[in-house]
């Protein structure tokens, strides 16, 4: 299941509350840091910059990307826009100790249900842009929108292309 199931509804301090299924695993943010930090995954070029991801890690990243895409498609097919898709809102868990990974999308507190098809499509585009940013971070270990020393190379390349 790519989205946590609602277990029950009740009130908490006078406000409506929904209790959701507990999901085991770690955030995709943490998984990405672990992958890109371990060093043995990436081959280093002369400049010390990571240029390649080992074949096994590439396989896992591609599997996760596919599973995340399917999860977002399920959400969109239900007429819901996530509105806050980030690596922190995706849980990665092992499946019975195998190398296969399960993903669960969380952080639906800012999600919206849109019946209007024109408004829905423009908001789907925003989720898709966020999905691309998540994928960029999975492959590079860096956020495409944060400028810091680690991302300097990305921005230098981007500026030289324009």
C-alpha atoms as a PDB file:
ATOM      1  CA  UNK A   1       0.000   0.000   0.000  1.00  0.00           C
ATOM      2  CA  UNK A   2       1.596   3.269  -1.100  1.00  0.00           C
ATOM      3  CA  UNK A   3      -0.494   5.521   1.163  1.00  0.00           C
ATOM      4  CA  UNK A   4      -1.167   4.919   4.841  1.00  0.00           C
ATOM      5  CA  UNK A   5      -4.621   3.565   5.556  1.00  0.00           C
ATOM      6  CA  UNK A   6      -6.964   5.317   7.966  1.00  0.00           C
ATOM      7  CA  UNK A   7      -7.530   3.090  10.995  1.00  0.00           C
ATOM      8  CA  UNK A   8     -10.166   5.110  12.806  1.00  0.00           C
ATOM      9  CA  UNK A   9     -11.668   8.542  13.270  1.00  0.00           C
ATOM     10  CA  UNK A  10     -12.290  10.232  16.590  1.00  0.00           C
ATOM     11  CA  UNK A  11     -11.804  13.517  18.414  1.00  0.00           C
ATOM     12  CA  UNK A  12      -8.655  14.811  20.016  1.00  0.00           C
ATOM     13  CA  UNK A  13      -8.957  17.909  22.236  1.00  0.00           C
ATOM     14  CA  UNK A  14     -12.306  18.659  20.620  1.00  0.00           C
ATOM     15  CA  UNK A  15     -10.954  18.459  17.055  1.00  0.00           C
ATOM     16  CA  UNK A  16     -11.616  15.724  14.499  1.00  0.00           C
ATOM     17  CA  UNK A  17      -8.722  13.291  14.269  1.00  0.00           C
ATOM     18  CA  UNK A  18      -7.849  10.460  11.920  1.00  0.00           C
ATOM     19  CA  UNK A  19      -5.586   7.690  13.138  1.00  0.00           C
ATOM     20  CA  UNK A  20      -3.389   6.340  10.366  1.00  0.00           C
ATOM     21  CA  UNK A  21      -1.601   3.054   9.878  1.00  0.00           C
ATOM     22  CA  UNK A  22       1.932   2.979  11.295  1.00  0.00           C
ATOM     23  CA  UNK A  23       4.570   2.501   8.614  1.00  0.00           C
ATOM     24  CA  UNK A  24       8.024   1.143   9.343  1.00  0.00           C
ATOM     25  CA  UNK A  25      11.084   2.367   7.540  1.00  0.00           C
ATOM     26  CA  UNK A  26      13.082   5.562   7.151  1.00  0.00           C
ATOM     27  CA  UNK A  27      12.419   8.737   5.221  1.00  0.00           C
ATOM     28  CA  UNK A  28      13.710   8.889   1.688  1.00  0.00           C
ATOM     29  CA  UNK A  29      15.821  11.889   2.820  1.00  0.00           C
ATOM     30  CA  UNK A  30      17.632   9.706   5.304  1.00  0.00           C
ATOM     31  CA  UNK A  31      17.970   6.877   2.781  1.00  0.00           C
ATOM     32  CA  UNK A  32      19.490   9.269   0.219  1.00  0.00           C
ATOM     33  CA  UNK A  33      22.013  10.617   2.760  1.00  0.00           C
ATOM     34  CA  UNK A  34      22.966   7.066   3.698  1.00  0.00           C
ATOM     35  CA  UNK A  35      23.397   6.006   0.072  1.00  0.00           C
ATOM     36  CA  UNK A  36      25.528   8.968  -0.951  1.00  0.00           C
ATOM     37  CA  UNK A  37      27.516   9.050   2.284  1.00  0.00           C
ATOM     38  CA  UNK A  38      28.694   5.469   2.284  1.00  0.00           C
ATOM     39  CA  UNK A  39      31.311   6.214  -0.379  1.00  0.00           C
ATOM     40  CA  UNK A  40      31.560   2.666  -1.675  1.00  0.00           C
ATOM     41  CA  UNK A  41      28.456   3.245  -3.793  1.00  0.00           C
ATOM     42  CA  UNK A  42      30.044   5.941  -5.890  1.00  0.00           C
ATOM     43  CA  UNK A  43      33.211   5.908  -7.906  1.00  0.00           C
ATOM     44  CA  UNK A  44      35.205   9.096  -7.464  1.00  0.00           C
ATOM     45  CA  UNK A  45      36.704  11.090 -10.287  1.00  0.00           C
ATOM     46  CA  UNK A  46      40.040  12.847 -10.002  1.00  0.00           C
ATOM     47  CA  UNK A  47      38.349  15.942  -8.583  1.00  0.00           C
ATOM     48  CA  UNK A  48      36.752  13.900  -5.792  1.00  0.00           C
ATOM     49  CA  UNK A  49      33.249  14.369  -7.202  1.00  0.00           C
ATOM     50  CA  UNK A  50      30.916  11.429  -7.432  1.00  0.00           C
ATOM     51  CA  UNK A  51      30.340  10.546 -11.071  1.00  0.00           C
ATOM     52  CA  UNK A  52      28.911   7.032 -11.048  1.00  0.00           C
ATOM     53  CA  UNK A  53      26.529   5.021  -8.920  1.00  0.00           C
ATOM     54  CA  UNK A  54      27.284   1.321  -8.622  1.00  0.00           C
ATOM     55  CA  UNK A  55      25.017  -1.035 -10.549  1.00  0.00           C
ATOM     56  CA  UNK A  56      23.240  -2.441  -7.476  1.00  0.00           C
ATOM     57  CA  UNK A  57      22.472   1.002  -6.047  1.00  0.00           C
ATOM     58  CA  UNK A  58      21.266   2.160  -9.472  1.00  0.00           C
ATOM     59  CA  UNK A  59      18.874  -0.783  -9.575  1.00  0.00           C
ATOM     60  CA  UNK A  60      17.461   0.133  -6.146  1.00  0.00           C
ATOM     61  CA  UNK A  61      17.153   3.841  -7.048  1.00  0.00           C
ATOM     62  CA  UNK A  62      15.288   2.970 -10.251  1.00  0.00           C
ATOM     63  CA  UNK A  63      12.978   0.588  -8.373  1.00  0.00           C
ATOM     64  CA  UNK A  64      12.232   3.307  -5.803  1.00  0.00           C
ATOM     65  CA  UNK A  65      11.633   5.884  -8.548  1.00  0.00           C
ATOM     66  CA  UNK A  66       9.159   3.530 -10.214  1.00  0.00           C
ATOM     67  CA  UNK A  67       7.376   2.768  -6.927  1.00  0.00           C
ATOM     68  CA  UNK A  68       7.184   6.458  -5.991  1.00  0.00           C
ATOM     69  CA  UNK A  69       5.759   7.268  -9.441  1.00  0.00           C
ATOM     70  CA  UNK A  70       3.096   4.579  -9.022  1.00  0.00           C
ATOM     71  CA  UNK A  71       2.215   5.901  -5.562  1.00  0.00           C
ATOM     72  CA  UNK A  72       1.766   9.445  -6.876  1.00  0.00           C
ATOM     73  CA  UNK A  73      -0.293   8.101  -9.796  1.00  0.00           C
ATOM     74  CA  UNK A  74      -2.593   6.322  -7.302  1.00  0.00           C
ATOM     75  CA  UNK A  75      -3.030   9.553  -5.367  1.00  0.00           C
ATOM     76  CA  UNK A  76      -3.767  11.521  -8.539  1.00  0.00           C
ATOM     77  CA  UNK A  77      -6.219   8.892  -9.810  1.00  0.00           C
ATOM     78  CA  UNK A  78      -8.174   9.438  -6.595  1.00  0.00           C
ATOM     79  CA  UNK A  79      -8.439  13.153  -7.482  1.00  0.00           C
ATOM     80  CA  UNK A  80      -5.964  14.206  -4.802  1.00  0.00           C
ATOM     81  CA  UNK A  81      -2.949  16.489  -5.170  1.00  0.00           C
ATOM     82  CA  UNK A  82      -0.143  15.966  -2.629  1.00  0.00           C
ATOM     83  CA  UNK A  83       1.092  19.605  -2.675  1.00  0.00           C
ATOM     84  CA  UNK A  84       4.182  18.848  -0.575  1.00  0.00           C
ATOM     85  CA  UNK A  85       6.075  15.998  -2.200  1.00  0.00           C
ATOM     86  CA  UNK A  86       9.596  15.876  -0.781  1.00  0.00           C
ATOM     87  CA  UNK A  87      12.005  13.095   0.216  1.00  0.00           C
ATOM     88  CA  UNK A  88      10.924  13.755   3.818  1.00  0.00           C
ATOM     89  CA  UNK A  89       7.353  12.771   2.931  1.00  0.00           C
ATOM     90  CA  UNK A  90       8.252   9.360   1.533  1.00  0.00           C
ATOM     91  CA  UNK A  91       8.990   6.350   3.742  1.00  0.00           C
ATOM     92  CA  UNK A  92      11.284   3.617   2.415  1.00  0.00           C
ATOM     93  CA  UNK A  93      10.997   0.177   3.955  1.00  0.00           C
ATOM     94  CA  UNK A  94      12.459  -3.244   3.317  1.00  0.00           C
ATOM     95  CA  UNK A  95      10.236  -6.029   2.064  1.00  0.00           C
ATOM     96  CA  UNK A  96      10.882  -9.205   4.083  1.00  0.00           C
ATOM     97  CA  UNK A  97      14.626  -8.577   4.288  1.00  0.00           C
ATOM     98  CA  UNK A  98      15.053  -8.620   0.498  1.00  0.00           C
ATOM     99  CA  UNK A  99      16.722  -5.940  -1.598  1.00  0.00           C
ATOM    100  CA  UNK A 100      13.272  -4.834  -2.776  1.00  0.00           C
ATOM    101  CA  UNK A 101      11.982  -1.625  -1.255  1.00  0.00           C
ATOM    102  CA  UNK A 102       8.488  -0.509  -0.385  1.00  0.00           C
ATOM    103  CA  UNK A 103       7.504   3.163  -0.500  1.00  0.00           C
ATOM    104  CA  UNK A 104       4.736   4.871   1.398  1.00  0.00           C
ATOM    105  CA  UNK A 105       3.794   8.487   0.749  1.00  0.00           C
ATOM    106  CA  UNK A 106       3.080  10.459   3.899  1.00  0.00           C
ATOM    107  CA  UNK A 107       2.585  14.155   4.634  1.00  0.00           C
ATOM    108  CA  UNK A 108      -0.852  14.409   3.103  1.00  0.00           C
ATOM    109  CA  UNK A 109      -1.814  17.152   5.577  1.00  0.00           C
ATOM    110  CA  UNK A 110      -1.525  19.763   2.838  1.00  0.00           C
ATOM    111  CA  UNK A 111      -3.142  17.587   0.162  1.00  0.00           C
ATOM    112  CA  UNK A 112      -6.188  18.810  -1.689  1.00  0.00           C
ATOM    113  CA  UNK A 113      -9.067  17.148  -3.483  1.00  0.00           C
ATOM    114  CA  UNK A 114      -9.880  18.903  -6.723  1.00  0.00           C
ATOM    115  CA  UNK A 115     -12.936  18.131  -8.815  1.00  0.00           C
ATOM    116  CA  UNK A 116     -12.269  20.925 -11.350  1.00  0.00           C
ATOM    117  CA  UNK A 117     -10.242  19.291 -14.137  1.00  0.00           C
ATOM    118  CA  UNK A 118      -8.410  22.468 -15.242  1.00  0.00           C
ATOM    119  CA  UNK A 119      -7.317  23.312 -11.707  1.00  0.00           C
ATOM    120  CA  UNK A 120      -6.469  19.638 -11.113  1.00  0.00           C
ATOM    121  CA  UNK A 121      -4.141  19.460 -14.135  1.00  0.00           C
ATOM    122  CA  UNK A 122      -2.186  22.569 -13.160  1.00  0.00           C
ATOM    123  CA  UNK A 123      -1.728  21.197  -9.638  1.00  0.00           C
ATOM    124  CA  UNK A 124      -0.720  17.772 -10.994  1.00  0.00           C
ATOM    125  CA  UNK A 125       2.058  19.566 -12.873  1.00  0.00           C
ATOM    126  CA  UNK A 126       3.332  20.975  -9.590  1.00  0.00           C
ATOM    127  CA  UNK A 127       3.406  17.483  -8.064  1.00  0.00           C
ATOM    128  CA  UNK A 128       5.246  16.193 -11.154  1.00  0.00           C
ATOM    129  CA  UNK A 129       7.849  18.978 -10.845  1.00  0.00           C
ATOM    130  CA  UNK A 130       8.304  17.996  -7.199  1.00  0.00           C
ATOM    131  CA  UNK A 131       8.652  14.360  -8.266  1.00  0.00           C
ATOM    132  CA  UNK A 132      11.466  15.351 -10.644  1.00  0.00           C
ATOM    133  CA  UNK A 133      13.203  17.175  -7.786  1.00  0.00           C
ATOM    134  CA  UNK A 134      12.906  14.067  -5.612  1.00  0.00           C
ATOM    135  CA  UNK A 135      14.450  11.959  -8.388  1.00  0.00           C
ATOM    136  CA  UNK A 136      17.275  14.475  -8.887  1.00  0.00           C
ATOM    137  CA  UNK A 137      18.088  14.244  -5.194  1.00  0.00           C
ATOM    138  CA  UNK A 138      17.963  10.431  -5.279  1.00  0.00           C
ATOM    139  CA  UNK A 139      20.536  10.256  -8.071  1.00  0.00           C
ATOM    140  CA  UNK A 140      22.839  13.074  -6.972  1.00  0.00           C
ATOM    141  CA  UNK A 141      22.405  13.275  -3.211  1.00  0.00           C
ATOM    142  CA  UNK A 142      21.786  17.008  -3.623  1.00  0.00           C
ATOM    143  CA  UNK A 143      18.685  19.176  -3.750  1.00  0.00           C
ATOM    144  CA  UNK A 144      18.335  20.977  -7.087  1.00  0.00           C
ATOM    145  CA  UNK A 145      17.120  24.150  -5.358  1.00  0.00           C
ATOM    146  CA  UNK A 146      19.504  24.622  -2.438  1.00  0.00           C
ATOM    147  CA  UNK A 147      22.649  26.590  -3.099  1.00  0.00           C
ATOM    148  CA  UNK A 148      25.580  25.495  -0.967  1.00  0.00           C
ATOM    149  CA  UNK A 149      29.120  24.332  -1.494  1.00  0.00           C
ATOM    150  CA  UNK A 150      27.953  20.810  -2.378  1.00  0.00           C
ATOM    151  CA  UNK A 151      25.621  22.129  -5.076  1.00  0.00           C
ATOM    152  CA  UNK A 152      28.003  24.729  -6.498  1.00  0.00           C
ATOM    153  CA  UNK A 153      29.048  22.461  -9.356  1.00  0.00           C
ATOM    154  CA  UNK A 154      25.397  21.945 -10.390  1.00  0.00           C
ATOM    155  CA  UNK A 155      24.697  25.674 -10.496  1.00  0.00           C
ATOM    156  CA  UNK A 156      27.967  26.442 -12.337  1.00  0.00           C
ATOM    157  CA  UNK A 157      27.011  23.941 -15.051  1.00  0.00           C
ATOM    158  CA  UNK A 158      23.481  25.339 -15.243  1.00  0.00           C
ATOM    159  CA  UNK A 159      24.741  28.913 -15.648  1.00  0.00           C
ATOM    160  CA  UNK A 160      27.256  27.956 -18.340  1.00  0.00           C
ATOM    161  CA  UNK A 161      24.437  26.352 -20.374  1.00  0.00           C
ATOM    162  CA  UNK A 162      22.451  29.613 -20.526  1.00  0.00           C
END
